[in-house]
Amino acid sequence: MTLHPANPRVPVETLGLPGWIYHDPDFFALEKRSVFRTSWQLVCHVNDIPVAGDYYCLDFLSESIVVVRGADGAIRSFHNVCRHRASRLLDGPKGRCAGRIVCPYHAWTYTLDGRLIGVPERATFHELDTTRHGLAALEQEVFLGFVFVRLEAGLPSVREMAAPYADELAAYRMEELVPQGRVTLRPRAVNW
């Protein structure tokens, strides 16, 4: 048994996770439910979507999320699926829609604030209450200009979690950040 150098009463073997955790599908499913769905995810910065109709998408845990700037200037986050047949509404990592979000499958149409305003062949949808079939909103928080979302309630707000660092972060004026160019991600063949 090897003892930890900083605390000789603790065996080193007890500090790590067992190897099976890193590849076990059941444990990963538990992590997705218990950790990732309830934790805040960074989608974009408010200056990535400066104009009404600008949007940013995030694919996370097999779900598509869209953050869009509304005609009123407000930023809203939704599941990026049509309420009719769950077709993906907006493609690509980012873009602009011209004042409305139109489903490419059956052309159900939503305003930028998520309201359902257009249903082709409306008469065939008996008793459809359009006020109840708008886009499904996600919990969202804008902190220092960054837009965070989460799929389910769980952790405290981003502001609460960052409170101990608020004074240090204030000097960077992050809410004023402006994109300077394209970010390039280079996927790596790693197992983590």
N, C-alpha and C. Protein backbone atom coordinates (compact mmCIF):
# COMPACT_ATOMS: atom_id res chain seq x y z
N MET A 1 0.85 -1.17 0.00
CA MET A 1 0.00 0.00 0.00
C MET A 1 0.91 1.24 0.00
N THR A 2 0.59 2.18 -0.91
CA THR A 2 1.33 3.43 -1.02
C THR A 2 0.52 4.52 -0.33
N LEU A 3 1.17 5.32 0.50
CA LEU A 3 0.47 6.40 1.19
C LEU A 3 0.65 7.71 0.44
N HIS A 4 -0.37 8.53 0.51
CA HIS A 4 -0.36 9.83 -0.16
C HIS A 4 0.66 10.73 0.53
N PRO A 5 1.55 11.41 -0.26
CA PRO A 5 2.60 12.21 0.36
C PRO A 5 2.07 13.41 1.17
N ALA A 6 0.96 13.99 0.75
CA ALA A 6 0.41 15.15 1.47
C ALA A 6 -0.37 14.73 2.71
N ASN A 7 -0.85 13.49 2.72
CA ASN A 7 -1.60 13.00 3.88
C ASN A 7 -1.27 11.52 4.05
N PRO A 8 -0.24 11.23 4.83
CA PRO A 8 0.23 9.84 4.95
C PRO A 8 -0.78 8.87 5.54
N ARG A 9 -1.91 9.32 6.03
CA ARG A 9 -2.93 8.41 6.54
C ARG A 9 -3.86 7.91 5.44
N VAL A 10 -3.73 8.46 4.22
CA VAL A 10 -4.63 8.10 3.12
C VAL A 10 -3.88 7.26 2.08
N PRO A 11 -4.34 6.04 1.86
CA PRO A 11 -3.71 5.22 0.80
C PRO A 11 -4.00 5.82 -0.58
N VAL A 12 -2.98 5.89 -1.43
CA VAL A 12 -3.12 6.45 -2.78
C VAL A 12 -4.20 5.70 -3.56
N GLU A 13 -4.32 4.42 -3.35
CA GLU A 13 -5.29 3.60 -4.08
C GLU A 13 -6.73 4.06 -3.86
N THR A 14 -7.01 4.75 -2.75
CA THR A 14 -8.38 5.17 -2.46
C THR A 14 -8.72 6.53 -3.08
N LEU A 15 -7.76 7.18 -3.73
CA LEU A 15 -7.99 8.52 -4.26
C LEU A 15 -8.56 8.54 -5.67
N GLY A 16 -8.40 7.50 -6.42
CA GLY A 16 -8.87 7.47 -7.80
C GLY A 16 -10.13 6.66 -7.95
N LEU A 17 -10.71 6.78 -9.13
CA LEU A 17 -11.90 6.00 -9.45
C LEU A 17 -11.46 4.68 -10.08
N PRO A 18 -12.23 3.63 -9.89
CA PRO A 18 -11.87 2.36 -10.53
C PRO A 18 -11.99 2.46 -12.05
N GLY A 19 -11.15 1.74 -12.75
CA GLY A 19 -11.08 1.82 -14.20
C GLY A 19 -12.37 1.53 -14.93
N TRP A 20 -13.20 0.63 -14.41
CA TRP A 20 -14.43 0.25 -15.10
C TRP A 20 -15.37 1.43 -15.29
N ILE A 21 -15.29 2.43 -14.41
CA ILE A 21 -16.19 3.59 -14.48
C ILE A 21 -16.03 4.33 -15.81
N TYR A 22 -14.85 4.31 -16.38
CA TYR A 22 -14.58 5.09 -17.58
C TYR A 22 -15.15 4.49 -18.85
N HIS A 23 -15.63 3.27 -18.80
CA HIS A 23 -16.17 2.64 -20.01
C HIS A 23 -17.47 1.89 -19.78
N ASP A 24 -18.04 1.98 -18.61
CA ASP A 24 -19.27 1.26 -18.30
C ASP A 24 -20.50 2.05 -18.78
N PRO A 25 -21.29 1.51 -19.69
CA PRO A 25 -22.45 2.24 -20.22
C PRO A 25 -23.51 2.56 -19.16
N ASP A 26 -23.69 1.68 -18.19
CA ASP A 26 -24.69 1.94 -17.14
C ASP A 26 -24.24 3.10 -16.24
N PHE A 27 -22.97 3.13 -15.93
CA PHE A 27 -22.47 4.24 -15.10
C PHE A 27 -22.56 5.55 -15.88
N PHE A 28 -22.26 5.51 -17.18
CA PHE A 28 -22.37 6.72 -17.99
C PHE A 28 -23.82 7.20 -18.06
N ALA A 29 -24.76 6.29 -18.17
CA ALA A 29 -26.18 6.68 -18.17
C ALA A 29 -26.55 7.34 -16.84
N LEU A 30 -26.03 6.80 -15.74
CA LEU A 30 -26.27 7.40 -14.43
C LEU A 30 -25.66 8.80 -14.36
N GLU A 31 -24.45 8.96 -14.87
CA GLU A 31 -23.81 10.29 -14.89
C GLU A 31 -24.61 11.28 -15.72
N LYS A 32 -25.09 10.84 -16.87
CA LYS A 32 -25.88 11.74 -17.71
C LYS A 32 -27.12 12.21 -16.99
N ARG A 33 -27.82 11.29 -16.31
CA ARG A 33 -29.04 11.66 -15.57
C ARG A 33 -28.74 12.52 -14.36
N SER A 34 -27.75 12.11 -13.58
CA SER A 34 -27.51 12.73 -12.27
C SER A 34 -26.58 13.93 -12.28
N VAL A 35 -25.70 13.99 -13.25
CA VAL A 35 -24.70 15.06 -13.27
C VAL A 35 -24.91 16.01 -14.44
N PHE A 36 -24.86 15.50 -15.65
CA PHE A 36 -24.82 16.37 -16.82
C PHE A 36 -26.15 17.06 -17.12
N ARG A 37 -27.26 16.36 -16.97
CA ARG A 37 -28.57 16.99 -17.26
C ARG A 37 -28.89 18.10 -16.27
N THR A 38 -28.35 18.02 -15.07
CA THR A 38 -28.65 19.01 -14.04
C THR A 38 -27.59 20.10 -13.92
N SER A 39 -26.54 20.02 -14.72
CA SER A 39 -25.48 21.02 -14.62
C SER A 39 -25.58 22.02 -15.78
N TRP A 40 -25.07 23.19 -15.53
CA TRP A 40 -25.13 24.28 -16.52
C TRP A 40 -24.14 24.02 -17.64
N GLN A 41 -24.59 24.29 -18.87
CA GLN A 41 -23.76 24.13 -20.05
C GLN A 41 -23.63 25.48 -20.76
N LEU A 42 -22.43 25.83 -21.10
CA LEU A 42 -22.18 27.08 -21.82
C LEU A 42 -22.52 26.88 -23.29
N VAL A 43 -23.37 27.74 -23.83
CA VAL A 43 -23.75 27.65 -25.24
C VAL A 43 -23.01 28.70 -26.08
N CYS A 44 -23.06 29.95 -25.63
CA CYS A 44 -22.43 31.01 -26.41
C CYS A 44 -22.31 32.27 -25.55
N HIS A 45 -21.81 33.32 -26.15
CA HIS A 45 -21.76 34.64 -25.51
C HIS A 45 -22.85 35.48 -26.17
N VAL A 46 -23.42 36.42 -25.43
CA VAL A 46 -24.50 37.24 -26.00
C VAL A 46 -24.05 37.95 -27.27
N ASN A 47 -22.78 38.28 -27.38
CA ASN A 47 -22.29 38.96 -28.58
C ASN A 47 -22.08 38.02 -29.76
N ASP A 48 -22.28 36.72 -29.56
CA ASP A 48 -22.28 35.77 -30.69
C ASP A 48 -23.61 35.82 -31.43
N ILE A 49 -24.63 36.38 -30.79
CA ILE A 49 -25.96 36.48 -31.40
C ILE A 49 -26.46 37.93 -31.23
N PRO A 50 -25.83 38.88 -31.92
CA PRO A 50 -26.12 40.29 -31.68
C PRO A 50 -27.43 40.81 -32.27
N VAL A 51 -27.97 40.16 -33.31
CA VAL A 51 -29.11 40.69 -34.05
C VAL A 51 -30.29 39.75 -33.92
N ALA A 52 -31.49 40.30 -33.91
CA ALA A 52 -32.71 39.48 -33.85
C ALA A 52 -32.67 38.42 -34.95
N GLY A 53 -32.93 37.19 -34.56
CA GLY A 53 -32.90 36.06 -35.50
C GLY A 53 -31.59 35.31 -35.48
N ASP A 54 -30.53 35.89 -34.89
CA ASP A 54 -29.27 35.15 -34.77
C ASP A 54 -29.47 34.01 -33.78
N TYR A 55 -28.86 32.87 -34.08
CA TYR A 55 -28.99 31.73 -33.17
C TYR A 55 -27.68 30.97 -33.05
N TYR A 56 -27.60 30.22 -31.99
CA TYR A 56 -26.46 29.36 -31.70
C TYR A 56 -27.02 28.02 -31.24
N CYS A 57 -26.48 26.94 -31.76
CA CYS A 57 -26.96 25.60 -31.40
C CYS A 57 -25.92 24.84 -30.61
N LEU A 58 -26.40 23.94 -29.79
CA LEU A 58 -25.53 23.04 -29.02
C LEU A 58 -26.17 21.67 -29.05
N ASP A 59 -25.42 20.66 -29.47
CA ASP A 59 -25.87 19.28 -29.35
C ASP A 59 -25.25 18.73 -28.08
N PHE A 60 -26.11 18.28 -27.17
CA PHE A 60 -25.63 17.85 -25.86
C PHE A 60 -26.50 16.70 -25.38
N LEU A 61 -25.86 15.60 -25.03
CA LEU A 61 -26.57 14.41 -24.53
C LEU A 61 -27.68 13.98 -25.47
N SER A 62 -27.40 13.94 -26.75
CA SER A 62 -28.35 13.53 -27.79
C SER A 62 -29.54 14.46 -27.91
N GLU A 63 -29.42 15.67 -27.40
CA GLU A 63 -30.48 16.67 -27.53
C GLU A 63 -29.91 17.87 -28.25
N SER A 64 -30.75 18.51 -29.04
CA SER A 64 -30.35 19.71 -29.75
C SER A 64 -30.97 20.91 -29.04
N ILE A 65 -30.13 21.88 -28.75
CA ILE A 65 -30.52 23.09 -28.03
C ILE A 65 -30.25 24.28 -28.93
N VAL A 66 -31.14 25.27 -28.91
CA VAL A 66 -30.90 26.49 -29.68
C VAL A 66 -31.11 27.69 -28.77
N VAL A 67 -30.19 28.64 -28.88
CA VAL A 67 -30.30 29.92 -28.19
C VAL A 67 -30.51 30.95 -29.29
N VAL A 68 -31.55 31.76 -29.17
CA VAL A 68 -31.90 32.69 -30.24
C VAL A 68 -32.16 34.09 -29.66
N ARG A 69 -31.78 35.09 -30.42
CA ARG A 69 -32.08 36.48 -30.04
C ARG A 69 -33.42 36.83 -30.64
N GLY A 70 -34.37 37.25 -29.80
CA GLY A 70 -35.72 37.57 -30.23
C GLY A 70 -35.82 38.95 -30.85
N ALA A 71 -36.97 39.21 -31.46
CA ALA A 71 -37.24 40.52 -32.07
C ALA A 71 -37.22 41.62 -31.02
N ASP A 72 -37.49 41.26 -29.78
CA ASP A 72 -37.46 42.22 -28.68
C ASP A 72 -36.07 42.37 -28.07
N GLY A 73 -35.08 41.68 -28.63
CA GLY A 73 -33.71 41.74 -28.14
C GLY A 73 -33.40 40.73 -27.05
N ALA A 74 -34.43 40.08 -26.52
CA ALA A 74 -34.23 39.10 -25.46
C ALA A 74 -33.61 37.82 -26.02
N ILE A 75 -32.85 37.14 -25.18
CA ILE A 75 -32.23 35.87 -25.55
C ILE A 75 -33.02 34.76 -24.88
N ARG A 76 -33.37 33.75 -25.69
CA ARG A 76 -34.16 32.63 -25.18
C ARG A 76 -33.54 31.32 -25.64
N SER A 77 -33.75 30.30 -24.85
CA SER A 77 -33.20 28.97 -25.15
C SER A 77 -34.33 27.96 -25.23
N PHE A 78 -34.26 27.12 -26.27
CA PHE A 78 -35.30 26.12 -26.52
C PHE A 78 -34.68 24.79 -26.92
N HIS A 79 -35.49 23.74 -26.80
CA HIS A 79 -35.15 22.49 -27.46
C HIS A 79 -35.30 22.78 -28.95
N ASN A 80 -34.33 22.38 -29.74
CA ASN A 80 -34.30 22.68 -31.17
C ASN A 80 -35.08 21.63 -31.96
N VAL A 81 -36.33 21.41 -31.58
CA VAL A 81 -37.18 20.44 -32.26
C VAL A 81 -38.59 20.98 -32.39
N CYS A 82 -39.22 20.66 -33.50
CA CYS A 82 -40.60 21.06 -33.75
C CYS A 82 -41.52 20.27 -32.83
N ARG A 83 -42.56 20.91 -32.36
CA ARG A 83 -43.51 20.25 -31.46
C ARG A 83 -44.46 19.32 -32.21
N HIS A 84 -44.42 19.32 -33.53
CA HIS A 84 -45.30 18.46 -34.31
C HIS A 84 -44.71 17.06 -34.46
N ARG A 85 -43.56 16.95 -35.11
CA ARG A 85 -42.96 15.64 -35.36
C ARG A 85 -41.50 15.57 -34.91
N ALA A 86 -41.09 16.50 -34.06
CA ALA A 86 -39.75 16.51 -33.47
C ALA A 86 -38.62 16.63 -34.48
N SER A 87 -38.90 17.25 -35.61
CA SER A 87 -37.85 17.51 -36.60
C SER A 87 -36.94 18.61 -36.07
N ARG A 88 -35.66 18.50 -36.37
CA ARG A 88 -34.71 19.56 -36.01
C ARG A 88 -35.11 20.82 -36.75
N LEU A 89 -35.16 21.93 -36.05
CA LEU A 89 -35.61 23.19 -36.65
C LEU A 89 -34.48 23.97 -37.32
N LEU A 90 -33.39 24.16 -36.62
CA LEU A 90 -32.28 24.97 -37.13
C LEU A 90 -31.04 24.11 -37.20
N ASP A 91 -30.34 24.19 -38.31
CA ASP A 91 -29.15 23.36 -38.52
C ASP A 91 -27.87 24.17 -38.37
N GLY A 92 -26.80 23.44 -38.17
CA GLY A 92 -25.49 24.06 -38.06
C GLY A 92 -25.24 24.62 -36.68
N PRO A 93 -24.00 24.97 -36.42
CA PRO A 93 -23.67 25.48 -35.09
C PRO A 93 -24.22 26.88 -34.81
N LYS A 94 -24.43 27.66 -35.87
CA LYS A 94 -24.96 29.02 -35.68
C LYS A 94 -25.51 29.52 -37.00
N GLY A 95 -26.28 30.61 -36.93
CA GLY A 95 -26.84 31.17 -38.16
C GLY A 95 -27.83 32.27 -37.84
N ARG A 96 -28.67 32.56 -38.83
CA ARG A 96 -29.69 33.59 -38.67
C ARG A 96 -30.96 33.10 -39.36
N CYS A 97 -32.08 33.26 -38.68
CA CYS A 97 -33.36 32.97 -39.29
C CYS A 97 -34.09 34.30 -39.47
N ALA A 98 -34.83 34.42 -40.52
CA ALA A 98 -35.43 35.70 -40.90
C ALA A 98 -36.72 35.99 -40.14
N GLY A 99 -36.61 36.24 -38.85
CA GLY A 99 -37.77 36.66 -38.08
C GLY A 99 -38.69 35.56 -37.61
N ARG A 100 -38.53 34.38 -38.15
CA ARG A 100 -39.37 33.24 -37.75
C ARG A 100 -38.55 31.97 -37.84
N ILE A 101 -39.00 30.97 -37.11
CA ILE A 101 -38.39 29.65 -37.18
C ILE A 101 -39.40 28.73 -37.84
N VAL A 102 -39.04 28.18 -38.99
CA VAL A 102 -39.96 27.35 -39.76
C VAL A 102 -39.42 25.93 -39.82
N CYS A 103 -40.24 24.99 -39.43
CA CYS A 103 -39.85 23.59 -39.47
C CYS A 103 -39.67 23.14 -40.93
N PRO A 104 -38.54 22.51 -41.24
CA PRO A 104 -38.32 22.07 -42.62
C PRO A 104 -39.16 20.87 -43.02
N TYR A 105 -39.82 20.22 -42.07
CA TYR A 105 -40.58 19.01 -42.36
C TYR A 105 -42.01 19.33 -42.78
N HIS A 106 -42.80 19.99 -41.92
CA HIS A 106 -44.19 20.32 -42.24
C HIS A 106 -44.49 21.81 -42.14
N ALA A 107 -43.47 22.62 -42.01
CA ALA A 107 -43.59 24.08 -42.02
C ALA A 107 -44.37 24.67 -40.86
N TRP A 108 -44.40 23.98 -39.72
CA TRP A 108 -44.94 24.65 -38.55
C TRP A 108 -44.03 25.84 -38.29
N THR A 109 -44.62 26.96 -37.92
CA THR A 109 -43.87 28.20 -37.81
C THR A 109 -43.96 28.78 -36.41
N TYR A 110 -42.81 29.21 -35.90
CA TYR A 110 -42.70 29.75 -34.55
C TYR A 110 -42.09 31.15 -34.61
N THR A 111 -42.51 32.00 -33.66
CA THR A 111 -41.87 33.30 -33.54
C THR A 111 -40.53 33.10 -32.84
N LEU A 112 -39.72 34.15 -32.82
CA LEU A 112 -38.42 34.06 -32.16
C LEU A 112 -38.54 33.95 -30.64
N ASP A 113 -39.74 34.22 -30.10
CA ASP A 113 -39.94 34.01 -28.67
C ASP A 113 -40.58 32.65 -28.39
N GLY A 114 -40.70 31.82 -29.43
CA GLY A 114 -41.14 30.44 -29.26
C GLY A 114 -42.61 30.16 -29.45
N ARG A 115 -43.41 31.18 -29.73
CA ARG A 115 -44.85 30.94 -29.91
C ARG A 115 -45.13 30.27 -31.26
N LEU A 116 -46.05 29.33 -31.26
CA LEU A 116 -46.49 28.68 -32.50
C LEU A 116 -47.49 29.61 -33.19
N ILE A 117 -47.15 30.03 -34.41
CA ILE A 117 -48.04 30.97 -35.12
C ILE A 117 -48.52 30.46 -36.47
N GLY A 118 -47.98 29.35 -36.95
CA GLY A 118 -48.40 28.84 -38.24
C GLY A 118 -48.45 27.33 -38.28
N VAL A 119 -49.60 26.81 -38.71
CA VAL A 119 -49.79 25.37 -38.85
C VAL A 119 -50.47 25.13 -40.19
N PRO A 120 -49.75 24.64 -41.20
CA PRO A 120 -50.40 24.33 -42.47
C PRO A 120 -51.51 23.30 -42.27
N GLU A 121 -52.55 23.43 -43.05
CA GLU A 121 -53.70 22.53 -42.94
C GLU A 121 -54.25 22.53 -41.51
N ARG A 122 -54.33 23.70 -40.95
CA ARG A 122 -54.73 23.90 -39.54
C ARG A 122 -56.06 23.19 -39.22
N ALA A 123 -56.97 23.17 -40.14
CA ALA A 123 -58.29 22.57 -39.89
C ALA A 123 -58.21 21.07 -39.60
N THR A 124 -57.13 20.42 -40.03
CA THR A 124 -56.99 18.98 -39.78
C THR A 124 -56.52 18.66 -38.37
N PHE A 125 -56.09 19.68 -37.64
CA PHE A 125 -55.62 19.49 -36.26
C PHE A 125 -56.73 19.94 -35.31
N HIS A 126 -57.70 19.08 -35.12
CA HIS A 126 -58.86 19.40 -34.29
C HIS A 126 -58.42 19.72 -32.87
N GLU A 127 -58.97 20.78 -32.33
CA GLU A 127 -58.74 21.20 -30.96
C GLU A 127 -57.28 21.48 -30.64
N LEU A 128 -56.46 21.81 -31.63
CA LEU A 128 -55.06 22.17 -31.38
C LEU A 128 -55.02 23.53 -30.70
N ASP A 129 -54.45 23.57 -29.53
CA ASP A 129 -54.29 24.82 -28.79
C ASP A 129 -52.87 25.32 -29.06
N THR A 130 -52.76 26.27 -29.98
CA THR A 130 -51.42 26.76 -30.36
C THR A 130 -50.68 27.40 -29.19
N THR A 131 -51.40 27.88 -28.19
CA THR A 131 -50.73 28.50 -27.04
C THR A 131 -49.99 27.47 -26.19
N ARG A 132 -50.34 26.19 -26.35
CA ARG A 132 -49.70 25.12 -25.58
C ARG A 132 -48.66 24.35 -26.38
N HIS A 133 -48.45 24.72 -27.64
CA HIS A 133 -47.54 23.96 -28.49
C HIS A 133 -46.41 24.80 -29.06
N GLY A 134 -46.04 25.84 -28.33
CA GLY A 134 -44.87 26.61 -28.72
C GLY A 134 -43.61 25.80 -28.45
N LEU A 135 -42.48 26.38 -28.78
CA LEU A 135 -41.21 25.69 -28.54
C LEU A 135 -41.03 25.43 -27.05
N ALA A 136 -40.41 24.31 -26.73
CA ALA A 136 -40.17 23.94 -25.33
C ALA A 136 -38.95 24.70 -24.83
N ALA A 137 -39.19 25.60 -23.88
CA ALA A 137 -38.11 26.43 -23.34
C ALA A 137 -37.24 25.63 -22.38
N LEU A 138 -35.98 26.06 -22.32
CA LEU A 138 -35.03 25.49 -21.38
C LEU A 138 -34.69 26.51 -20.31
N GLU A 139 -34.29 26.02 -19.16
CA GLU A 139 -33.80 26.92 -18.13
C GLU A 139 -32.51 27.56 -18.64
N GLN A 140 -32.43 28.86 -18.48
CA GLN A 140 -31.31 29.62 -19.04
C GLN A 140 -30.85 30.66 -18.02
N GLU A 141 -29.57 30.93 -18.04
CA GLU A 141 -29.02 32.02 -17.23
C GLU A 141 -27.93 32.71 -18.03
N VAL A 142 -27.98 34.02 -18.06
CA VAL A 142 -26.91 34.81 -18.68
C VAL A 142 -26.07 35.35 -17.53
N PHE A 143 -24.79 35.00 -17.55
CA PHE A 143 -23.87 35.44 -16.51
C PHE A 143 -22.62 36.01 -17.16
N LEU A 144 -22.32 37.25 -16.86
CA LEU A 144 -21.18 37.96 -17.42
C LEU A 144 -21.16 37.88 -18.95
N GLY A 145 -22.35 37.88 -19.54
CA GLY A 145 -22.46 37.85 -20.99
C GLY A 145 -22.49 36.46 -21.59
N PHE A 146 -22.25 35.43 -20.81
CA PHE A 146 -22.27 34.06 -21.31
C PHE A 146 -23.64 33.45 -21.07
N VAL A 147 -24.13 32.71 -22.08
CA VAL A 147 -25.45 32.09 -22.00
C VAL A 147 -25.27 30.62 -21.61
N PHE A 148 -25.85 30.27 -20.47
CA PHE A 148 -25.80 28.91 -19.96
C PHE A 148 -27.21 28.33 -19.98
N VAL A 149 -27.32 27.03 -20.22
CA VAL A 149 -28.60 26.33 -20.15
C VAL A 149 -28.40 25.03 -19.38
N ARG A 150 -29.51 24.50 -18.90
CA ARG A 150 -29.48 23.15 -18.33
C ARG A 150 -30.79 22.46 -18.67
N LEU A 151 -30.72 21.15 -18.78
CA LEU A 151 -31.86 20.37 -19.20
C LEU A 151 -32.84 20.10 -18.06
N GLU A 152 -32.34 20.04 -16.83
CA GLU A 152 -33.19 19.79 -15.67
C GLU A 152 -32.66 20.59 -14.49
N ALA A 153 -33.55 20.94 -13.59
CA ALA A 153 -33.14 21.67 -12.39
C ALA A 153 -32.16 20.82 -11.59
N GLY A 154 -31.28 21.50 -10.91
CA GLY A 154 -30.30 20.76 -10.12
C GLY A 154 -29.41 21.69 -9.32
N LEU A 155 -28.30 22.05 -9.89
CA LEU A 155 -27.32 22.86 -9.19
C LEU A 155 -27.83 24.28 -8.94
N PRO A 156 -27.17 25.00 -8.04
CA PRO A 156 -27.52 26.41 -7.84
C PRO A 156 -27.27 27.19 -9.14
N SER A 157 -27.68 28.44 -9.16
CA SER A 157 -27.48 29.26 -10.35
C SER A 157 -25.99 29.44 -10.63
N VAL A 158 -25.67 29.80 -11.86
CA VAL A 158 -24.29 30.07 -12.23
C VAL A 158 -23.76 31.22 -11.36
N ARG A 159 -24.58 32.24 -11.19
CA ARG A 159 -24.19 33.41 -10.38
C ARG A 159 -23.83 32.99 -8.95
N GLU A 160 -24.65 32.10 -8.37
CA GLU A 160 -24.37 31.64 -7.01
C GLU A 160 -23.07 30.85 -6.95
N MET A 161 -22.86 29.97 -7.94
CA MET A 161 -21.64 29.16 -7.92
C MET A 161 -20.39 30.00 -8.16
N ALA A 162 -20.52 31.07 -8.95
CA ALA A 162 -19.36 31.91 -9.26
C ALA A 162 -19.17 33.04 -8.25
N ALA A 163 -20.07 33.17 -7.29
CA ALA A 163 -20.01 34.27 -6.32
C ALA A 163 -18.64 34.43 -5.65
N PRO A 164 -17.98 33.35 -5.25
CA PRO A 164 -16.67 33.54 -4.60
C PRO A 164 -15.61 34.17 -5.52
N TYR A 165 -15.87 34.16 -6.82
CA TYR A 165 -14.89 34.68 -7.78
C TYR A 165 -15.35 35.97 -8.45
N ALA A 166 -16.50 36.49 -8.05
CA ALA A 166 -17.10 37.64 -8.71
C ALA A 166 -16.17 38.84 -8.77
N ASP A 167 -15.49 39.14 -7.68
CA ASP A 167 -14.58 40.30 -7.68
C ASP A 167 -13.43 40.11 -8.66
N GLU A 168 -12.88 38.90 -8.71
CA GLU A 168 -11.78 38.62 -9.64
C GLU A 168 -12.25 38.70 -11.09
N LEU A 169 -13.44 38.21 -11.37
CA LEU A 169 -13.96 38.19 -12.74
C LEU A 169 -14.37 39.57 -13.23
N ALA A 170 -14.83 40.43 -12.33
CA ALA A 170 -15.34 41.75 -12.73
C ALA A 170 -14.31 42.56 -13.52
N ALA A 171 -13.08 42.45 -13.17
CA ALA A 171 -12.04 43.23 -13.84
C ALA A 171 -11.91 42.90 -15.33
N TYR A 172 -12.35 41.73 -15.74
CA TYR A 172 -12.22 41.31 -17.15
C TYR A 172 -13.35 41.83 -18.04
N ARG A 173 -14.42 42.38 -17.45
CA ARG A 173 -15.55 42.94 -18.20
C ARG A 173 -16.01 41.97 -19.30
N MET A 174 -16.25 40.75 -18.91
CA MET A 174 -16.58 39.68 -19.86
C MET A 174 -17.85 39.95 -20.64
N GLU A 175 -18.81 40.66 -20.05
CA GLU A 175 -20.05 40.94 -20.77
C GLU A 175 -19.81 41.83 -21.98
N GLU A 176 -18.65 42.48 -22.07
CA GLU A 176 -18.33 43.35 -23.20
C GLU A 176 -17.53 42.63 -24.30
N LEU A 177 -17.23 41.37 -24.11
CA LEU A 177 -16.45 40.63 -25.10
C LEU A 177 -17.13 40.64 -26.47
N VAL A 178 -16.32 40.70 -27.51
CA VAL A 178 -16.83 40.68 -28.88
C VAL A 178 -16.02 39.63 -29.65
N PRO A 179 -16.69 38.77 -30.40
CA PRO A 179 -15.95 37.74 -31.15
C PRO A 179 -14.94 38.38 -32.11
N GLN A 180 -13.76 37.81 -32.15
CA GLN A 180 -12.70 38.34 -33.00
C GLN A 180 -12.39 37.44 -34.19
N GLY A 181 -12.98 36.29 -34.23
CA GLY A 181 -12.71 35.38 -35.34
C GLY A 181 -13.29 34.01 -35.06
N ARG A 182 -13.01 33.13 -35.95
CA ARG A 182 -13.54 31.78 -35.88
C ARG A 182 -12.71 30.94 -34.92
N VAL A 183 -13.38 30.12 -34.13
CA VAL A 183 -12.70 29.17 -33.26
C VAL A 183 -12.64 27.84 -33.99
N THR A 184 -11.48 27.26 -34.05
CA THR A 184 -11.32 25.98 -34.73
C THR A 184 -11.08 24.90 -33.70
N LEU A 185 -11.92 23.90 -33.73
CA LEU A 185 -11.74 22.75 -32.86
C LEU A 185 -11.08 21.64 -33.67
N ARG A 186 -10.11 21.00 -33.07
CA ARG A 186 -9.42 19.91 -33.73
C ARG A 186 -9.68 18.62 -32.94
N PRO A 187 -10.61 17.80 -33.43
CA PRO A 187 -10.89 16.54 -32.71
C PRO A 187 -9.64 15.68 -32.59
N ARG A 188 -9.50 15.05 -31.46
CA ARG A 188 -8.36 14.18 -31.19
C ARG A 188 -8.87 12.76 -30.94
N ALA A 189 -8.10 11.81 -31.34
CA ALA A 189 -8.45 10.40 -31.11
C ALA A 189 -8.01 10.00 -29.71
N VAL A 190 -8.81 10.37 -28.71
CA VAL A 190 -8.50 10.01 -27.33
C VAL A 190 -9.69 9.26 -26.75
N ASN A 191 -9.47 8.62 -25.62
CA ASN A 191 -10.53 7.81 -25.03
C ASN A 191 -11.16 8.46 -23.81
N TRP A 192 -11.13 9.80 -23.73
CA TRP A 192 -11.76 10.48 -22.60
C TRP A 192 -12.41 11.74 -23.05
